[in-house]
Amino acid sequence: MFNIAYWPLMWLCLALSTPPSYYAVDDYASVKKADVHVHIRTQRPAFVHQAQKDNFQLVNIVVDGAGTWRGVRDQWKYVKFQEENFPKEYAPVTAFSVEDFHEPDWTEKTIAWLDSCFAQGALGIKVWKNIGMVLKDKDGSNVMLDDDRFDPIFEHLIEQNKLVVGHLGEPLNCWLPLEEMSTNNDRNYFSRNPQYHMYKHPDLPSYQDQMDARNRRLDKHPELKFMGAHMASIEWNVDTLAAWLDKYPDATIDLAARMGQVFHQTISNREGVRDFFMKYSHRIMYATDAGDALTNTPEELGEDLHDTWMRDWTYFVSDQEMSSDLVNESFMGIHLPREAVDNIFYNTSRDFFGFE
């Protein structure tokens, strides 16, 4: 029989052994985290050295941004170099090029390339917005993601049990004039890249056209492992994004380059945003879209990375009033419980990418 005199001591021991339900901002360095969407196009170790300091693991992704096989292959060399030198920190994801898409051997060539990457450890592939926004068919129309000619590629990915990181379309801001965009990062990007500013190209497929083509691909292959990059390009409204996640219950999203839209919604709908991250934390992966292309010094790169990671950590774990150059008004952090924070920053990505 327990002696009642020991009960206060027993409860004290239980309280001390039970972790707090919320993280403090100062817990940042001690918590395992992952950034599942980065682009390292160099052999220098500056990026991973900062990740080690900040307790991050990384998913290094190839993108068909140059539109050539050479561009894809060159990026893969960097991805493999980094992963071979820092295998505990990096998980590799490859891509294919749509160059020569209309050549009769394109499918066989693409599958052979992907298989060579899978044999070297690639965990999946990225499909980029050039499918739907740039790639032209022989009649001058845009080739969309649901085109039947991509079927053999996606069927092969399913057979190989590989992840697809899908950057399809762009943020809804892309179809608005600059002055009507909700975030400064979109305003800056599309002012520098007018070729992708669809407001200036009304003859091209609409935002909804891009989303519908992506969704038809998922409808055709419901068993596909799919991560919607950049909040699946439904960054503009958490309720609409929640409905998409409900429709595709096996899909996940990353937050790469869309924290501005998260902050923008938080300004006017903090509780709705918080509820979204609480409910779907097990299907959301933290990401930045950060990279290294030798455009700054290692010290500058490290400082920028730390500031970005720390800003986002503070937003998720605290209820501090914050500001960011991504938006023009202040907002409050959403102060998620530690279980949700762990899911977003690590647990979901651990399950997908095998982090330890």
Protein backbone atom coordinates (compact mmCIF):
# COMPACT_ATOMS: atom_id res chain seq x y z
CA MET A 1 0.00 0.00 0.00
CA PHE A 2 1.25 3.49 -0.90
CA ASN A 3 2.05 5.86 1.92
CA ILE A 4 0.05 9.02 1.38
CA ALA A 5 3.05 11.04 2.50
CA TYR A 6 4.87 10.08 -0.72
CA TRP A 7 2.11 11.26 -3.11
CA PRO A 8 3.35 14.87 -3.46
CA LEU A 9 6.82 13.54 -4.31
CA MET A 10 5.34 11.06 -6.79
CA TRP A 11 3.38 13.76 -8.61
CA LEU A 12 6.45 15.99 -8.68
CA CYS A 13 8.44 13.20 -10.31
CA LEU A 14 5.70 12.63 -12.87
CA ALA A 15 5.56 16.34 -13.67
CA LEU A 16 9.30 16.52 -14.12
CA SER A 17 9.36 13.44 -16.36
CA THR A 18 6.52 14.65 -18.63
CA PRO A 19 7.71 16.94 -21.44
CA PRO A 20 5.96 20.29 -21.77
CA SER A 21 3.11 20.38 -24.27
CA TYR A 22 4.58 23.41 -26.04
CA TYR A 23 8.07 24.29 -27.18
CA ALA A 24 9.77 27.53 -26.26
CA VAL A 25 11.56 29.54 -28.91
CA ASP A 26 14.83 28.70 -27.14
CA ASP A 27 14.25 24.97 -27.77
CA TYR A 28 15.07 25.57 -31.44
CA ALA A 29 18.61 24.19 -31.53
CA SER A 30 17.82 21.05 -29.55
CA VAL A 31 14.92 19.86 -31.74
CA LYS A 32 15.44 17.71 -34.84
CA LYS A 33 14.10 19.42 -37.95
CA ALA A 34 14.00 18.94 -41.70
CA ASP A 35 13.82 21.29 -44.67
CA VAL A 36 12.42 19.09 -47.42
CA HIS A 37 12.84 21.44 -50.38
CA VAL A 38 16.27 22.90 -51.08
CA HIS A 39 18.41 23.30 -54.20
CA ILE A 40 22.20 23.02 -53.72
CA ARG A 41 23.98 23.58 -57.01
CA THR A 42 27.53 23.70 -55.79
CA GLN A 43 30.08 21.48 -54.11
CA ARG A 44 30.78 23.85 -51.24
CA PRO A 45 29.54 22.69 -47.82
CA ALA A 46 28.31 26.05 -46.50
CA PHE A 47 24.63 25.12 -46.64
CA VAL A 48 24.96 21.80 -44.87
CA HIS A 49 27.31 23.26 -42.26
CA GLN A 50 24.60 25.74 -41.27
CA ALA A 51 22.01 22.94 -41.30
CA GLN A 52 24.18 20.97 -38.87
CA LYS A 53 24.39 23.97 -36.54
CA ASP A 54 20.62 24.45 -36.65
CA ASN A 55 19.81 20.72 -36.36
CA PHE A 56 18.28 20.36 -39.83
CA GLN A 57 18.24 17.51 -42.31
CA LEU A 58 17.67 18.33 -45.95
CA VAL A 59 16.00 17.11 -49.13
CA ASN A 60 18.04 18.29 -52.11
CA ILE A 61 15.90 18.51 -55.25
CA VAL A 62 16.71 18.66 -58.95
CA VAL A 63 14.42 20.85 -61.06
CA ASP A 64 13.96 21.03 -64.83
CA GLY A 65 14.36 24.79 -64.69
CA ALA A 66 16.81 25.00 -67.57
CA GLY A 67 14.59 22.83 -69.76
CA THR A 68 17.47 20.64 -70.90
CA TRP A 69 18.81 17.22 -70.07
CA ARG A 70 22.19 18.80 -69.46
CA GLY A 71 20.68 21.05 -66.80
CA VAL A 72 19.07 18.09 -65.05
CA ARG A 73 22.20 15.96 -65.21
CA ASP A 74 24.45 18.76 -63.95
CA GLN A 75 22.16 19.36 -60.97
CA TRP A 76 22.07 15.64 -60.19
CA LYS A 77 25.87 15.62 -60.00
CA TYR A 78 25.74 18.30 -57.32
CA VAL A 79 22.95 16.49 -55.47
CA LYS A 80 24.96 13.27 -55.44
CA PHE A 81 28.16 15.04 -54.42
CA GLN A 82 26.47 16.59 -51.41
CA GLU A 83 24.68 13.39 -50.43
CA GLU A 84 27.84 11.26 -50.71
CA ASN A 85 29.79 13.68 -48.53
CA PHE A 86 26.97 14.27 -46.02
CA PRO A 87 24.77 11.17 -46.14
CA LYS A 88 23.19 11.80 -42.74
CA GLU A 89 22.05 15.28 -43.71
CA TYR A 90 20.86 14.88 -47.32
CA ALA A 91 18.12 12.92 -49.06
CA PRO A 92 18.24 13.18 -52.89
CA VAL A 93 15.34 13.79 -55.30
CA THR A 94 15.90 13.86 -59.06
CA ALA A 95 13.93 15.13 -62.08
CA PHE A 96 13.55 14.53 -65.79
CA SER A 97 13.71 16.97 -68.68
CA VAL A 98 10.97 17.61 -71.21
CA GLU A 99 13.57 18.44 -73.82
CA ASP A 100 12.89 16.23 -76.87
CA PHE A 101 9.43 15.46 -75.48
CA HIS A 102 8.11 14.92 -79.01
CA GLU A 103 10.87 12.52 -80.01
CA PRO A 104 9.72 8.86 -80.28
CA ASP A 105 12.28 7.59 -77.73
CA TRP A 106 11.59 10.24 -75.05
CA THR A 107 9.65 7.90 -72.74
CA GLU A 108 12.28 5.14 -72.83
CA LYS A 109 15.07 7.67 -72.40
CA THR A 110 13.32 9.25 -69.43
CA ILE A 111 12.60 5.98 -67.64
CA ALA A 112 16.20 4.86 -68.16
CA TRP A 113 17.45 8.12 -66.66
CA LEU A 114 15.14 7.86 -63.67
CA ASP A 115 16.14 4.25 -63.05
CA SER A 116 19.80 5.26 -63.06
CA CYS A 117 19.03 7.89 -60.41
CA PHE A 118 16.98 5.46 -58.34
CA ALA A 119 19.90 3.03 -58.42
CA GLN A 120 22.03 5.83 -56.97
CA GLY A 121 19.59 6.46 -54.13
CA ALA A 122 17.05 8.98 -55.46
CA LEU A 123 13.89 8.75 -53.36
CA GLY A 124 11.65 10.37 -55.93
CA ILE A 125 11.35 12.97 -58.66
CA LYS A 126 10.16 16.51 -59.10
CA VAL A 127 7.81 17.61 -61.86
CA TRP A 128 7.93 21.33 -62.52
CA LYS A 129 5.65 24.10 -63.69
CA ASN A 130 7.12 24.02 -67.20
CA ILE A 131 4.65 21.17 -67.70
CA GLY A 132 1.48 23.19 -68.08
CA MET A 133 3.07 26.62 -68.40
CA VAL A 134 5.91 26.31 -70.95
CA LEU A 135 5.98 22.96 -72.79
CA LYS A 136 4.17 23.22 -76.13
CA ASP A 137 2.46 20.55 -78.15
CA LYS A 138 2.88 20.33 -81.89
CA ASP A 139 -0.31 22.34 -82.40
CA GLY A 140 0.97 25.17 -80.18
CA SER A 141 -1.18 24.36 -77.16
CA ASN A 142 0.32 23.80 -73.73
CA VAL A 143 1.05 20.22 -72.68
CA MET A 144 -0.61 19.62 -69.30
CA LEU A 145 0.29 17.17 -66.55
CA ASP A 146 -2.67 14.88 -67.26
CA ASP A 147 -1.51 14.28 -70.85
CA ASP A 148 -1.65 10.55 -71.65
CA ARG A 149 1.95 10.63 -72.89
CA PHE A 150 3.10 10.99 -69.28
CA ASP A 151 1.18 7.86 -68.21
CA PRO A 152 4.12 5.43 -68.61
CA ILE A 153 6.32 7.67 -66.46
CA PHE A 154 3.84 7.85 -63.60
CA GLU A 155 3.01 4.16 -63.84
CA HIS A 156 6.72 3.39 -63.54
CA LEU A 157 7.02 5.67 -60.49
CA ILE A 158 4.18 3.80 -58.83
CA GLU A 159 5.83 0.46 -59.60
CA GLN A 160 9.07 1.73 -58.08
CA ASN A 161 7.25 3.23 -55.08
CA LYS A 162 8.87 6.63 -55.62
CA LEU A 163 7.64 10.00 -54.43
CA VAL A 164 6.54 12.74 -56.84
CA VAL A 165 7.20 16.31 -55.73
CA GLY A 166 4.76 18.34 -57.79
CA HIS A 167 5.28 22.03 -58.49
CA LEU A 168 2.35 22.56 -60.83
CA GLY A 169 1.05 25.96 -61.68
CA GLU A 170 2.00 28.92 -59.51
CA PRO A 171 0.52 30.87 -56.60
CA LEU A 172 -2.78 32.51 -57.40
CA ASN A 173 -0.96 35.85 -57.27
CA CYS A 174 0.64 34.88 -60.58
CA TRP A 175 -2.64 35.66 -62.34
CA LEU A 176 -2.99 39.10 -60.70
CA PRO A 177 -1.34 42.45 -61.47
CA LEU A 178 1.67 43.17 -59.26
CA GLU A 179 -0.12 45.78 -57.17
CA GLU A 180 -2.90 43.33 -56.26
CA MET A 181 -0.62 40.52 -55.10
CA SER A 182 -0.91 39.57 -51.45
CA THR A 183 2.81 39.10 -50.68
CA ASN A 184 6.00 40.95 -51.41
CA ASN A 185 7.92 37.80 -52.32
CA ASP A 186 5.49 37.05 -55.17
CA ARG A 187 5.56 40.67 -56.26
CA ASN A 188 9.35 40.61 -56.39
CA TYR A 189 9.56 37.24 -58.15
CA PHE A 190 7.09 38.00 -60.91
CA SER A 191 8.49 41.46 -61.52
CA ARG A 192 11.85 39.76 -62.17
CA ASN A 193 10.34 36.87 -64.14
CA PRO A 194 7.62 38.29 -66.40
CA GLN A 195 7.74 35.15 -68.54
CA TYR A 196 5.99 33.33 -65.69
CA HIS A 197 3.65 36.20 -64.74
CA MET A 198 0.47 34.75 -66.18
CA TYR A 199 -1.45 38.00 -65.76
CA LYS A 200 0.61 39.16 -68.74
CA HIS A 201 -0.18 36.01 -70.72
CA PRO A 202 -3.98 35.64 -70.72
CA ASP A 203 -3.79 33.35 -73.73
CA LEU A 204 -2.12 30.62 -71.65
CA PRO A 205 -3.90 28.12 -69.37
CA SER A 206 -5.51 29.63 -66.29
CA TYR A 207 -4.77 28.91 -62.65
CA GLN A 208 -7.77 26.59 -62.51
CA ASP A 209 -6.62 24.83 -65.69
CA GLN A 210 -3.33 24.02 -63.94
CA MET A 211 -5.03 22.77 -60.79
CA ASP A 212 -7.53 20.68 -62.74
CA ALA A 213 -4.78 18.99 -64.78
CA ARG A 214 -2.86 18.14 -61.60
CA ASN A 215 -5.99 16.78 -59.97
CA ARG A 216 -6.87 14.67 -63.01
CA ARG A 217 -3.40 13.12 -62.82
CA LEU A 218 -4.02 12.21 -59.17
CA ASP A 219 -7.47 10.89 -60.03
CA LYS A 220 -5.92 8.70 -62.71
CA HIS A 221 -3.24 7.38 -60.32
CA PRO A 222 -4.66 7.49 -56.78
CA GLU A 223 -1.87 5.22 -55.50
CA LEU A 224 0.82 7.74 -56.50
CA LYS A 225 2.98 9.03 -53.62
CA PHE A 226 2.50 12.77 -54.11
CA MET A 227 3.80 15.82 -52.26
CA GLY A 228 2.29 19.10 -53.41
CA ALA A 229 5.22 21.50 -53.42
CA HIS A 230 4.57 25.09 -52.38
CA MET A 231 1.36 24.19 -50.54
CA ALA A 232 0.16 22.45 -53.71
CA SER A 233 -0.28 25.93 -55.26
CA ILE A 234 -3.35 26.38 -53.02
CA GLU A 235 -1.44 28.70 -50.72
CA TRP A 236 -4.04 31.45 -50.89
CA ASN A 237 -6.70 29.88 -48.65
CA VAL A 238 -6.30 27.26 -45.92
CA ASP A 239 -9.93 26.16 -46.20
CA THR A 240 -9.58 25.44 -49.91
CA LEU A 241 -6.31 23.63 -49.25
CA ALA A 242 -7.97 21.60 -46.49
CA ALA A 243 -10.68 20.52 -48.93
CA TRP A 244 -7.99 19.39 -51.39
CA LEU A 245 -6.22 17.39 -48.70
CA ASP A 246 -9.53 15.78 -47.78
CA LYS A 247 -10.16 14.87 -51.42
CA TYR A 248 -6.69 13.32 -51.73
CA PRO A 249 -6.14 11.70 -48.33
CA ASP A 250 -2.73 10.22 -49.19
CA ALA A 251 -1.24 13.46 -50.50
CA THR A 252 1.06 15.71 -48.50
CA ILE A 253 2.28 19.28 -48.98
CA ASP A 254 5.40 21.27 -48.31
CA LEU A 255 5.60 24.93 -47.30
CA ALA A 256 8.48 25.91 -49.58
CA ALA A 257 8.53 29.62 -50.46
CA ARG A 258 4.94 30.09 -49.25
CA MET A 259 5.37 31.33 -45.70
CA GLY A 260 4.48 34.79 -46.99
CA GLN A 261 1.01 33.53 -47.90
CA VAL A 262 0.75 31.83 -44.49
CA PHE A 263 1.65 35.10 -42.78
CA HIS A 264 -0.80 37.02 -44.99
CA GLN A 265 -3.70 34.78 -43.97
CA THR A 266 -2.62 34.89 -40.33
CA ILE A 267 -3.05 38.67 -40.28
CA SER A 268 -6.82 38.35 -40.72
CA ASN A 269 -7.54 34.71 -39.81
CA ARG A 270 -5.07 33.56 -37.19
CA GLU A 271 -7.38 31.01 -35.60
CA GLY A 272 -8.35 29.51 -38.96
CA VAL A 273 -4.71 29.17 -39.94
CA ARG A 274 -3.86 27.66 -36.56
CA ASP A 275 -6.72 25.18 -36.83
CA PHE A 276 -5.49 24.15 -40.28
CA PHE A 277 -1.97 23.42 -39.09
CA MET A 278 -3.29 21.61 -36.03
CA LYS A 279 -5.58 19.34 -38.06
CA TYR A 280 -3.22 18.55 -40.93
CA SER A 281 0.16 18.68 -39.19
CA HIS A 282 0.82 15.02 -40.05
CA ARG A 283 0.53 15.86 -43.77
CA ILE A 284 2.58 19.07 -43.85
CA MET A 285 6.35 19.25 -44.25
CA TYR A 286 8.40 22.29 -43.46
CA ALA A 287 10.44 23.61 -46.39
CA THR A 288 11.98 26.84 -47.64
CA ASP A 289 13.06 26.47 -51.31
CA ALA A 290 16.42 27.85 -50.20
CA GLY A 291 19.51 27.08 -52.22
CA ASP A 292 23.16 27.70 -52.85
CA ALA A 293 24.36 28.79 -56.26
CA LEU A 294 27.50 30.64 -55.07
CA THR A 295 25.77 34.04 -55.14
CA ASN A 296 26.91 35.01 -51.64
CA THR A 297 29.62 34.21 -49.13
CA PRO A 298 29.36 31.19 -46.82
CA GLU A 299 28.86 33.56 -43.90
CA GLU A 300 26.05 35.44 -45.66
CA LEU A 301 24.40 32.19 -46.72
CA GLY A 302 24.55 30.80 -43.19
CA GLU A 303 23.12 33.97 -41.68
CA ASP A 304 20.24 34.08 -44.18
CA LEU A 305 19.39 30.43 -43.59
CA HIS A 306 19.46 30.74 -39.83
CA ASP A 307 17.30 33.87 -39.90
CA THR A 308 14.70 32.19 -42.14
CA TRP A 309 14.58 28.95 -40.17
CA MET A 310 14.44 30.81 -36.86
CA ARG A 311 11.68 33.14 -38.08
CA ASP A 312 9.49 30.22 -39.10
CA TRP A 313 10.21 28.25 -35.92
CA THR A 314 9.22 31.29 -33.86
CA TYR A 315 5.99 31.62 -35.84
CA PHE A 316 4.96 28.03 -35.21
CA VAL A 317 5.96 27.69 -31.55
CA SER A 318 5.12 31.10 -30.08
CA ASP A 319 2.36 33.67 -29.91
CA GLN A 320 4.77 36.56 -30.37
CA GLU A 321 3.85 39.54 -32.48
CA MET A 322 6.05 39.30 -35.56
CA SER A 323 6.90 41.12 -38.75
CA SER A 324 8.40 39.96 -42.04
CA ASP A 325 9.46 41.61 -45.26
CA LEU A 326 7.24 39.06 -47.02
CA VAL A 327 4.12 40.98 -45.94
CA ASN A 328 3.40 44.58 -44.98
CA GLU A 329 1.52 44.08 -41.70
CA SER A 330 2.46 42.47 -38.41
CA PHE A 331 1.01 39.13 -37.34
CA MET A 332 1.10 36.79 -34.36
CA GLY A 333 2.70 33.37 -34.14
CA ILE A 334 0.23 30.48 -33.97
CA HIS A 335 1.72 28.71 -30.92
CA LEU A 336 1.17 25.10 -31.95
CA PRO A 337 1.50 22.22 -29.48
CA ARG A 338 4.78 20.39 -29.68
CA GLU A 339 3.18 17.34 -31.32
CA ALA A 340 2.04 19.45 -34.28
CA VAL A 341 5.40 21.23 -34.43
CA ASP A 342 7.23 17.89 -34.45
CA ASN A 343 5.00 16.64 -37.26
CA ILE A 344 5.55 19.69 -39.45
CA PHE A 345 9.26 20.06 -38.80
CA TYR A 346 10.27 16.42 -38.69
CA ASN A 347 7.94 13.46 -38.21
CA THR A 348 6.16 13.58 -41.57
CA SER A 349 9.40 14.04 -43.48
CA ARG A 350 11.06 11.29 -41.45
CA ASP A 351 8.40 8.88 -42.63
CA PHE A 352 8.74 9.96 -46.28
CA PHE A 353 12.51 10.37 -46.55
CA GLY A 354 13.83 7.96 -43.94
CA PHE A 355 15.52 10.50 -41.71
CA GLU A 356 16.80 9.19 -38.38
